[in-house]
Amino acid sequence: MSEKEKSIELLEEMNQKLDKLIGLIAIQGKEESQQIKILTDFGFNSTEVGNLLGIPPGTVRRKNLEMRKD
């Protein structure tokens, strides 16, 4: 892998981490359903969202499905 490719990969990884950090900041003071939507939109999977919010991943998936139907 060339130095340029390594740099691009590192920047992409940093960008993903920053997106997740922004997502965590964005959920402060929001209702649970809003928190789930925000975190999901920022790329967190159901397990990660569940761990952060203290709810089962299945609940996260169910609430995501309910929000899509509305």
C-alpha atoms as a PDB file:
ATOM      1  CA  MET A   1       0.000   0.000   0.000  1.00  0.00           C
ATOM      2  CA  SER A   2       1.416   3.381  -0.966  1.00  0.00           C
ATOM      3  CA  GLU A   3       1.815   6.262   1.469  1.00  0.00           C
ATOM      4  CA  LYS A   4      -1.003   8.126  -0.268  1.00  0.00           C
ATOM      5  CA  GLU A   5      -3.348   5.146   0.129  1.00  0.00           C
ATOM      6  CA  LYS A   6      -2.387   4.829   3.811  1.00  0.00           C
ATOM      7  CA  SER A   7      -3.080   8.517   4.347  1.00  0.00           C
ATOM      8  CA  ILE A   8      -6.477   8.278   2.658  1.00  0.00           C
ATOM      9  CA  GLU A   9      -7.386   5.229   4.734  1.00  0.00           C
ATOM     10  CA  LEU A  10      -6.341   6.993   7.939  1.00  0.00           C
ATOM     11  CA  LEU A  11      -8.369  10.084   7.041  1.00  0.00           C
ATOM     12  CA  GLU A  12     -11.441   7.961   6.298  1.00  0.00           C
ATOM     13  CA  GLU A  13     -11.091   6.195   9.646  1.00  0.00           C
ATOM     14  CA  MET A  14     -10.720   9.523  11.452  1.00  0.00           C
ATOM     15  CA  ASN A  15     -13.780  10.873   9.641  1.00  0.00           C
ATOM     16  CA  GLN A  16     -15.872   7.894  10.772  1.00  0.00           C
ATOM     17  CA  LYS A  17     -14.766   8.383  14.375  1.00  0.00           C
ATOM     18  CA  LEU A  18     -15.545  12.101  14.249  1.00  0.00           C
ATOM     19  CA  ASP A  19     -19.004  11.367  12.832  1.00  0.00           C
ATOM     20  CA  LYS A  20     -19.688   9.042  15.756  1.00  0.00           C
ATOM     21  CA  LEU A  21     -18.436  11.608  18.262  1.00  0.00           C
ATOM     22  CA  ILE A  22     -20.701  14.259  16.740  1.00  0.00           C
ATOM     23  CA  GLY A  23     -23.575  11.781  16.949  1.00  0.00           C
ATOM     24  CA  LEU A  24     -22.955  11.258  20.663  1.00  0.00           C
ATOM     25  CA  ILE A  25     -22.954  14.988  21.264  1.00  0.00           C
ATOM     26  CA  ALA A  26     -26.113  15.420  19.183  1.00  0.00           C
ATOM     27  CA  ILE A  27     -28.211  13.064  21.349  1.00  0.00           C
ATOM     28  CA  GLN A  28     -27.758  15.004  24.561  1.00  0.00           C
ATOM     29  CA  GLY A  29     -31.130  15.972  26.051  1.00  0.00           C
ATOM     30  CA  LYS A  30     -33.165  14.188  23.365  1.00  0.00           C
ATOM     31  CA  GLU A  31     -35.909  11.592  23.804  1.00  0.00           C
ATOM     32  CA  GLU A  32     -34.922   7.941  23.364  1.00  0.00           C
ATOM     33  CA  SER A  33     -36.508   7.546  19.934  1.00  0.00           C
ATOM     34  CA  GLN A  34     -34.714  10.669  18.700  1.00  0.00           C
ATOM     35  CA  GLN A  35     -31.447   9.381  20.154  1.00  0.00           C
ATOM     36  CA  ILE A  36     -31.884   6.072  18.316  1.00  0.00           C
ATOM     37  CA  LYS A  37     -32.549   7.834  15.007  1.00  0.00           C
ATOM     38  CA  ILE A  38     -29.603  10.205  15.388  1.00  0.00           C
ATOM     39  CA  LEU A  39     -27.146   7.461  16.351  1.00  0.00           C
ATOM     40  CA  THR A  40     -28.368   5.191  13.563  1.00  0.00           C
ATOM     41  CA  ASP A  41     -28.026   8.043  11.058  1.00  0.00           C
ATOM     42  CA  PHE A  42     -24.444   8.546  12.258  1.00  0.00           C
ATOM     43  CA  GLY A  43     -23.594   4.927  11.513  1.00  0.00           C
ATOM     44  CA  PHE A  44     -23.963   3.196  14.851  1.00  0.00           C
ATOM     45  CA  ASN A  45     -25.376  -0.334  14.577  1.00  0.00           C
ATOM     46  CA  SER A  46     -28.190  -1.628  16.806  1.00  0.00           C
ATOM     47  CA  THR A  47     -25.807  -3.227  19.297  1.00  0.00           C
ATOM     48  CA  GLU A  48     -23.759  -0.045  19.671  1.00  0.00           C
ATOM     49  CA  VAL A  49     -26.895   2.095  20.081  1.00  0.00           C
ATOM     50  CA  GLY A  50     -28.270  -0.347  22.633  1.00  0.00           C
ATOM     51  CA  ASN A  51     -25.040  -0.328  24.616  1.00  0.00           C
ATOM     52  CA  LEU A  52     -24.887   3.466  24.633  1.00  0.00           C
ATOM     53  CA  LEU A  53     -28.523   3.884  25.676  1.00  0.00           C
ATOM     54  CA  GLY A  54     -28.758   0.875  27.989  1.00  0.00           C
ATOM     55  CA  ILE A  55     -31.450  -0.905  25.979  1.00  0.00           C
ATOM     56  CA  PRO A  56     -31.456  -4.242  24.122  1.00  0.00           C
ATOM     57  CA  PRO A  57     -30.407  -4.182  20.427  1.00  0.00           C
ATOM     58  CA  GLY A  58     -33.750  -5.774  19.532  1.00  0.00           C
ATOM     59  CA  THR A  59     -35.545  -2.776  21.000  1.00  0.00           C
ATOM     60  CA  VAL A  60     -33.383  -0.487  18.890  1.00  0.00           C
ATOM     61  CA  ARG A  61     -34.264  -2.445  15.732  1.00  0.00           C
ATOM     62  CA  ARG A  62     -37.973  -2.455  16.590  1.00  0.00           C
ATOM     63  CA  LYS A  63     -38.046   1.279  17.249  1.00  0.00           C
ATOM     64  CA  ASN A  64     -36.161   1.942  14.007  1.00  0.00           C
ATOM     65  CA  LEU A  65     -38.760  -0.076  12.104  1.00  0.00           C
ATOM     66  CA  GLU A  66     -41.595   1.786  13.826  1.00  0.00           C
ATOM     67  CA  MET A  67     -40.051   5.154  12.930  1.00  0.00           C
ATOM     68  CA  ARG A  68     -39.698   4.127   9.275  1.00  0.00           C
ATOM     69  CA  LYS A  69     -43.395   3.209   9.126  1.00  0.00           C
ATOM     70  CA  ASP A  70     -44.487   6.626  10.458  1.00  0.00           C
END
